[in-house]
Amino acid sequence: MFPQSLPAYMGNLNVAAVGALGFAKELGKKGTVSDITVYDIKKGHDTVSILEPSKYPERISSLYFCVNLADMALVVVDEVNAALGETILMLDCAQVDRGILILRNYVTPDRIAPLIKGTVLANYTHLPDDPIQVRELLLDEAAKVKAHGEGRGVVPIDHHFNVKGVGTVILGLVAKGSVNRHDTLRVLPTDRTALVRSIQKHDDDFEVAYEGDRVGFALKGIEAEELDRGYVLTNDPEVRCVSELEARLDLVKYWQAPIKEGMVLHLGHWMQFLPCRVTAVSGEPRSPQVMLSLERPLIYSPGSRAVLHYLEGGKLRIVGTMDL
């Protein structure tokens, strides 16, 4: 049974804070820091996880991970530059269709209108540069989050470490389905399994984690040293693990160079950002069928989406999207 003060469900809203970095620290309490900095807001049973790409624009993977994990975006615009264009493109590729736009430093709506036309950002809400107003709107959105996530659970790992007296702990986000305490999960891409000893969300213990929850699991049956970022915990038999992949690549409209055999791309999916080599290309130039050979196994659920990147692309490093 849950303690009287603990709800059976605590919904969480994941927000990518992109554009001008630094705004998120005005909104919440600083949490874990890596190439993603997490800021947490908690009011009663409502929680918001704000994800800031702390290594962007140097590392486009930092931006990808934040956007990929997001239910909603907070875009702060101080200037119109290449990084803003790349950020808009990433949000559109990842289909983050809910968001807030804050224009500062005399940037006007008509200045960014051509950039966001035809993208998911065209429907974002414009707000003034007021952290209190933004925080209240995010908490209102978090209050609307209900328990969801039918079926078996999928949890890509972000962090993993050993805690004295507890054992192996992972931090991650439930990408789909739900996970119960005492579930036994496969640890992909390995052939190992692990038992979920306990589930924490925002420092409270729970019996179940649902889709969209940022979680900490204490695991039994595997050591932290055996894990890596991007590994996936799941009891869903449909989740696949492959070293080669053939699929159609939909190029973004700004990408002009042809996709050629031998190109080295990076495939972003869940918490994976994997180097891969193009081994075959056929079909239409704007939506070619490509064969990819992956440096490490790709873990994915059929029907999900990947974003392809070309790190040598200069100001345009996003190539396109691929339905897996």
Protein backbone atom coordinates (compact mmCIF):
# COMPACT_ATOMS: atom_id res chain seq x y z
CA MET A 1 0.00 0.00 0.00
CA PHE A 2 1.06 3.60 -0.58
CA PRO A 3 1.55 5.92 2.40
CA GLN A 4 -1.39 8.24 2.93
CA SER A 5 0.55 11.25 1.66
CA LEU A 6 1.69 9.56 -1.55
CA PRO A 7 -0.49 9.51 -4.65
CA ALA A 8 -0.86 6.35 -6.69
CA TYR A 9 0.21 8.38 -9.70
CA MET A 10 2.38 11.45 -10.17
CA GLY A 11 2.37 12.71 -13.75
CA ASN A 12 5.45 14.40 -15.17
CA LEU A 13 5.78 16.90 -18.01
CA ASN A 14 9.11 16.82 -19.89
CA VAL A 15 10.09 20.16 -21.41
CA ALA A 16 13.05 20.88 -23.72
CA ALA A 17 14.42 24.35 -22.89
CA VAL A 18 16.24 25.36 -26.07
CA GLY A 19 17.35 28.48 -27.91
CA ALA A 20 19.11 30.84 -25.50
CA LEU A 21 20.47 28.70 -22.67
CA GLY A 22 20.13 29.80 -19.04
CA PHE A 23 16.42 30.57 -18.86
CA ALA A 24 15.65 27.19 -17.24
CA LYS A 25 17.62 28.01 -14.08
CA GLU A 26 15.03 30.72 -13.34
CA LEU A 27 12.27 28.10 -13.38
CA GLY A 28 13.28 25.12 -11.27
CA LYS A 29 15.72 23.35 -8.98
CA LYS A 30 18.89 22.07 -10.66
CA GLY A 31 19.18 18.28 -10.81
CA THR A 32 21.43 15.95 -12.77
CA VAL A 33 24.06 17.52 -15.03
CA SER A 34 25.73 15.94 -18.06
CA ASP A 35 25.28 17.01 -21.68
CA ILE A 36 21.72 17.50 -20.44
CA THR A 37 21.03 19.70 -17.41
CA VAL A 38 17.75 18.88 -15.67
CA TYR A 39 15.76 21.43 -13.67
CA ASP A 40 12.80 20.20 -11.63
CA ILE A 41 9.59 21.97 -10.67
CA LYS A 42 7.24 20.30 -8.19
CA LYS A 43 3.93 21.63 -6.88
CA GLY A 44 1.80 19.17 -4.96
CA HIS A 45 1.50 16.10 -7.17
CA ASP A 46 2.45 17.97 -10.35
CA THR A 47 6.04 17.78 -11.61
CA VAL A 48 7.93 19.28 -14.54
CA SER A 49 11.35 18.15 -15.77
CA ILE A 50 13.05 20.91 -17.80
CA LEU A 51 15.85 19.59 -20.01
CA GLU A 52 18.52 21.99 -21.22
CA PRO A 53 21.12 20.93 -23.86
CA SER A 54 24.17 22.14 -21.93
CA LYS A 55 26.72 21.03 -24.57
CA TYR A 56 24.89 22.55 -27.57
CA PRO A 57 25.81 23.92 -30.12
CA GLU A 58 29.18 22.13 -29.86
CA ARG A 59 27.46 18.74 -29.65
CA ILE A 60 24.28 18.31 -31.63
CA SER A 61 23.66 15.07 -29.70
CA SER A 62 23.00 17.23 -26.62
CA LEU A 63 20.18 19.02 -28.46
CA TYR A 64 18.86 15.76 -29.90
CA PHE A 65 18.57 14.05 -26.51
CA CYS A 66 16.69 16.97 -24.92
CA VAL A 67 14.24 17.32 -27.80
CA ASN A 68 13.74 13.56 -28.17
CA LEU A 69 12.74 13.26 -24.49
CA ALA A 70 10.34 16.21 -24.57
CA ASP A 71 6.55 16.39 -24.48
CA MET A 72 6.77 20.13 -24.96
CA ALA A 73 9.37 22.78 -25.88
CA LEU A 74 10.35 26.14 -24.39
CA VAL A 75 12.16 28.14 -27.08
CA VAL A 76 13.88 31.36 -25.99
CA VAL A 77 15.10 33.47 -28.93
CA ASP A 78 17.76 36.13 -28.36
CA GLU A 79 18.96 36.28 -31.95
CA VAL A 80 18.24 34.73 -35.34
CA ASN A 81 21.25 32.58 -36.21
CA ALA A 82 22.26 29.15 -37.51
CA ALA A 83 21.79 27.51 -34.09
CA LEU A 84 18.19 28.74 -33.94
CA GLY A 85 17.52 27.35 -37.42
CA GLU A 86 19.00 23.98 -36.44
CA THR A 87 16.96 23.94 -33.23
CA ILE A 88 13.72 24.66 -35.11
CA LEU A 89 14.57 21.85 -37.54
CA MET A 90 15.25 19.40 -34.70
CA LEU A 91 11.95 20.19 -32.98
CA ASP A 92 10.13 19.71 -36.28
CA CYS A 93 11.88 16.40 -37.04
CA ALA A 94 11.07 15.11 -33.55
CA GLN A 95 7.45 16.34 -33.92
CA VAL A 96 7.38 18.26 -30.63
CA ASP A 97 4.09 19.96 -31.47
CA ARG A 98 3.43 21.75 -28.17
CA GLY A 99 5.54 24.64 -27.02
CA ILE A 100 6.19 28.18 -25.82
CA LEU A 101 8.06 30.88 -27.76
CA ILE A 102 9.74 33.74 -25.89
CA LEU A 103 11.27 36.49 -28.06
CA ARG A 104 13.88 38.72 -26.44
CA ASN A 105 16.51 41.28 -27.38
CA TYR A 106 14.15 43.07 -29.81
CA VAL A 107 13.50 39.97 -31.93
CA THR A 108 9.99 40.42 -33.36
CA PRO A 109 7.43 37.79 -34.44
CA ASP A 110 7.69 38.84 -38.10
CA ARG A 111 11.45 38.23 -37.94
CA ILE A 112 11.08 34.54 -37.10
CA ALA A 113 7.81 33.94 -38.99
CA PRO A 114 9.57 32.72 -42.19
CA LEU A 115 11.68 30.27 -40.13
CA ILE A 116 8.79 28.64 -38.29
CA LYS A 117 6.27 28.65 -41.14
CA GLY A 118 5.19 25.10 -41.95
CA THR A 119 6.87 23.67 -38.82
CA VAL A 120 5.47 22.54 -35.47
CA LEU A 121 6.59 25.88 -33.99
CA ALA A 122 3.92 27.74 -35.96
CA ASN A 123 1.41 26.57 -33.33
CA TYR A 124 3.51 27.43 -30.25
CA THR A 125 2.19 29.91 -27.69
CA HIS A 126 3.96 33.29 -27.47
CA LEU A 127 4.72 34.42 -23.91
CA PRO A 128 6.60 37.42 -22.46
CA ASP A 129 10.01 37.04 -20.81
CA ASP A 130 8.50 36.29 -17.39
CA PRO A 131 9.71 33.15 -15.55
CA ILE A 132 6.80 33.23 -13.10
CA GLN A 133 4.22 33.17 -15.91
CA VAL A 134 6.11 30.43 -17.74
CA ARG A 135 6.40 28.31 -14.57
CA GLU A 136 2.66 28.58 -13.91
CA LEU A 137 1.80 27.60 -17.48
CA LEU A 138 4.10 24.56 -17.29
CA LEU A 139 2.55 23.47 -13.99
CA ASP A 140 -0.92 23.88 -15.50
CA GLU A 141 0.14 21.60 -18.36
CA ALA A 142 1.65 19.10 -15.93
CA ALA A 143 -1.63 18.97 -14.00
CA LYS A 144 -3.34 17.70 -17.17
CA VAL A 145 -1.00 14.71 -17.46
CA LYS A 146 -2.78 11.47 -16.63
CA ALA A 147 -1.44 7.96 -16.16
CA HIS A 148 -0.89 6.53 -19.62
CA GLY A 149 1.21 3.87 -21.19
CA GLU A 150 -0.62 0.68 -22.04
CA GLY A 151 1.35 -2.51 -22.36
CA ARG A 152 4.93 -3.52 -21.74
CA GLY A 153 7.49 -0.98 -20.63
CA VAL A 154 10.55 0.46 -22.41
CA VAL A 155 13.11 2.49 -20.44
CA PRO A 156 16.22 3.85 -22.23
CA ILE A 157 19.04 4.44 -19.73
CA ASP A 158 20.49 7.94 -19.30
CA HIS A 159 22.67 7.49 -16.18
CA HIS A 160 23.85 4.40 -14.31
CA PHE A 161 25.84 4.11 -11.09
CA ASN A 162 26.29 2.17 -7.89
CA VAL A 163 24.78 3.37 -4.60
CA LYS A 164 26.20 1.97 -1.38
CA GLY A 165 23.62 -0.15 0.40
CA VAL A 166 21.29 -0.05 -2.62
CA GLY A 167 23.31 -1.46 -5.50
CA THR A 168 22.86 -0.66 -9.17
CA VAL A 169 20.73 2.41 -9.93
CA ILE A 170 19.70 3.76 -13.33
CA LEU A 171 18.06 7.03 -14.28
CA GLY A 172 15.96 7.25 -17.41
CA LEU A 173 12.60 7.99 -18.94
CA VAL A 174 9.78 5.55 -19.65
CA ALA A 175 9.55 5.78 -23.46
CA LYS A 176 6.42 3.63 -23.72
CA GLY A 177 4.20 1.33 -21.68
CA SER A 178 4.60 0.89 -17.94
CA VAL A 179 6.93 -0.87 -15.51
CA ASN A 180 6.00 -2.36 -12.14
CA ARG A 181 8.17 -2.87 -9.12
CA HIS A 182 9.48 -6.46 -9.14
CA ASP A 183 9.24 -6.73 -12.96
CA THR A 184 12.08 -8.63 -14.59
CA LEU A 185 13.39 -6.71 -17.61
CA ARG A 186 15.71 -7.56 -20.45
CA VAL A 187 18.82 -5.38 -20.62
CA LEU A 188 19.38 -4.72 -24.33
CA PRO A 189 21.65 -5.06 -26.27
CA THR A 190 23.02 -7.65 -23.80
CA ASP A 191 21.47 -11.06 -23.10
CA ARG A 192 21.13 -10.20 -19.39
CA THR A 193 18.02 -9.52 -17.30
CA ALA A 194 17.52 -7.39 -14.19
CA LEU A 195 14.86 -7.22 -11.47
CA VAL A 196 13.37 -3.82 -10.60
CA ARG A 197 13.77 -3.65 -6.80
CA SER A 198 12.31 -0.18 -6.42
CA ILE A 199 11.00 2.77 -8.44
CA GLN A 200 11.51 6.42 -7.57
CA LYS A 201 10.06 9.52 -9.20
CA HIS A 202 11.18 12.91 -7.89
CA ASP A 203 12.52 11.25 -4.70
CA ASP A 204 9.24 9.47 -3.87
CA ASP A 205 8.73 5.71 -4.02
CA PHE A 206 6.13 4.23 -6.37
CA GLU A 207 4.87 0.82 -7.37
CA VAL A 208 4.44 1.67 -11.08
CA ALA A 209 6.16 3.95 -13.62
CA TYR A 210 4.21 5.08 -16.69
CA GLU A 211 5.10 6.50 -20.09
CA GLY A 212 6.65 9.95 -19.74
CA ASP A 213 7.87 9.44 -16.17
CA ARG A 214 11.48 10.32 -15.33
CA VAL A 215 12.49 7.48 -13.06
CA GLY A 216 15.21 5.99 -10.93
CA PHE A 217 15.24 2.20 -10.73
CA ALA A 218 17.22 0.16 -8.22
CA LEU A 219 18.14 -3.04 -10.05
CA LYS A 220 19.07 -6.52 -8.90
CA GLY A 221 20.99 -8.97 -11.05
CA ILE A 222 23.32 -6.62 -12.94
CA GLU A 223 26.24 -4.36 -12.05
CA ALA A 224 26.39 -0.67 -12.98
CA GLU A 225 29.69 -1.32 -14.80
CA GLU A 226 27.86 -3.67 -17.20
CA LEU A 227 25.53 -0.90 -18.38
CA ASP A 228 25.97 2.02 -20.76
CA ARG A 229 23.99 5.08 -21.75
CA GLY A 230 21.50 4.14 -24.45
CA TYR A 231 20.98 0.59 -23.17
CA VAL A 232 17.30 -0.26 -22.87
CA LEU A 233 15.38 -2.01 -20.09
CA THR A 234 12.23 -3.69 -21.40
CA ASN A 235 9.80 -6.56 -21.10
CA ASP A 236 8.31 -5.79 -24.53
CA PRO A 237 9.05 -8.71 -26.89
CA GLU A 238 8.60 -6.43 -29.93
CA VAL A 239 11.66 -4.30 -29.13
CA ARG A 240 14.38 -5.15 -31.63
CA CYS A 241 18.16 -5.03 -31.61
CA VAL A 242 19.93 -4.85 -35.00
CA SER A 243 23.38 -4.10 -36.42
CA GLU A 244 22.09 -3.35 -39.94
CA LEU A 245 19.04 -1.39 -40.96
CA GLU A 246 17.25 -0.70 -44.23
CA ALA A 247 14.64 2.05 -44.35
CA ARG A 248 13.51 5.13 -46.26
CA LEU A 249 15.26 8.37 -45.33
CA ASP A 250 13.14 11.53 -45.62
CA LEU A 251 15.56 14.41 -46.15
CA VAL A 252 14.86 17.80 -44.55
CA LYS A 253 14.08 20.46 -47.14
CA TYR A 254 17.34 22.33 -46.55
CA TRP A 255 19.54 19.29 -47.18
CA GLN A 256 20.84 19.46 -50.76
CA ALA A 257 23.77 17.02 -50.95
CA PRO A 258 23.01 13.52 -52.31
CA ILE A 259 23.22 10.60 -49.90
CA LYS A 260 26.09 8.41 -51.06
CA GLU A 261 27.55 5.06 -50.17
CA GLY A 262 30.34 5.39 -47.63
CA MET A 263 28.88 8.43 -45.84
CA VAL A 264 29.15 8.24 -42.05
CA LEU A 265 25.97 9.47 -40.35
CA HIS A 266 24.80 9.45 -36.73
CA LEU A 267 21.42 7.94 -35.93
CA GLY A 268 19.53 9.35 -32.94
CA HIS A 269 16.91 7.16 -31.30
CA TRP A 270 15.84 7.20 -27.62
CA MET A 271 19.12 7.72 -25.69
CA GLN A 272 21.24 6.37 -28.55
CA PHE A 273 23.36 8.47 -30.90
CA LEU A 274 25.03 5.86 -33.06
CA PRO A 275 27.64 6.18 -35.81
CA CYS A 276 26.54 4.34 -38.95
CA ARG A 277 27.83 3.96 -42.50
CA VAL A 278 25.67 4.12 -45.63
CA THR A 279 26.30 0.84 -47.49
CA ALA A 280 23.61 1.12 -50.20
CA VAL A 281 21.34 3.83 -51.66
CA SER A 282 18.43 3.50 -54.10
CA GLY A 283 15.17 5.18 -55.10
CA GLU A 284 14.17 8.83 -55.13
CA PRO A 285 16.95 11.34 -54.25
CA ARG A 286 14.73 13.24 -51.76
CA SER A 287 13.52 10.08 -50.02
CA PRO A 288 16.08 7.38 -50.77
CA GLN A 289 16.00 3.82 -49.51
CA VAL A 290 19.24 3.39 -47.57
CA MET A 291 21.08 0.51 -45.97
CA LEU A 292 22.98 1.41 -42.80
CA SER A 293 25.70 -0.56 -41.05
CA LEU A 294 25.77 0.45 -37.36
CA GLU A 295 28.89 0.68 -35.22
CA ARG A 296 26.89 -0.54 -32.21
CA PRO A 297 23.53 -2.34 -32.11
CA LEU A 298 20.44 -0.16 -32.53
CA ILE A 299 17.63 -0.87 -30.06
CA TYR A 300 14.21 0.25 -31.25
CA SER A 301 10.51 -0.40 -31.24
CA PRO A 302 8.90 -0.90 -34.68
CA GLY A 303 6.98 2.21 -35.72
CA SER A 304 9.25 4.63 -33.87
CA ARG A 305 11.22 7.45 -35.50
CA ALA A 306 14.93 8.20 -35.78
CA VAL A 307 16.71 11.44 -36.71
CA LEU A 308 19.82 11.19 -38.92
CA HIS A 309 22.72 13.63 -38.50
CA TYR A 310 25.88 14.43 -40.46
CA LEU A 311 28.46 15.86 -38.08
CA GLU A 312 30.59 17.30 -40.90
CA GLY A 313 27.64 19.27 -42.24
CA GLY A 314 28.78 22.67 -40.98
CA LYS A 315 25.79 24.85 -40.14
CA LEU A 316 23.33 22.11 -41.15
CA ARG A 317 23.93 18.85 -39.29
CA ILE A 318 20.40 17.40 -39.47
CA VAL A 319 19.94 15.19 -42.53
CA GLY A 320 16.42 13.84 -42.13
CA THR A 321 14.16 11.34 -40.41
CA MET A 322 13.57 7.63 -40.72
CA ASP A 323 10.56 5.56 -39.64
CA LEU A 324 11.87 2.35 -38.13
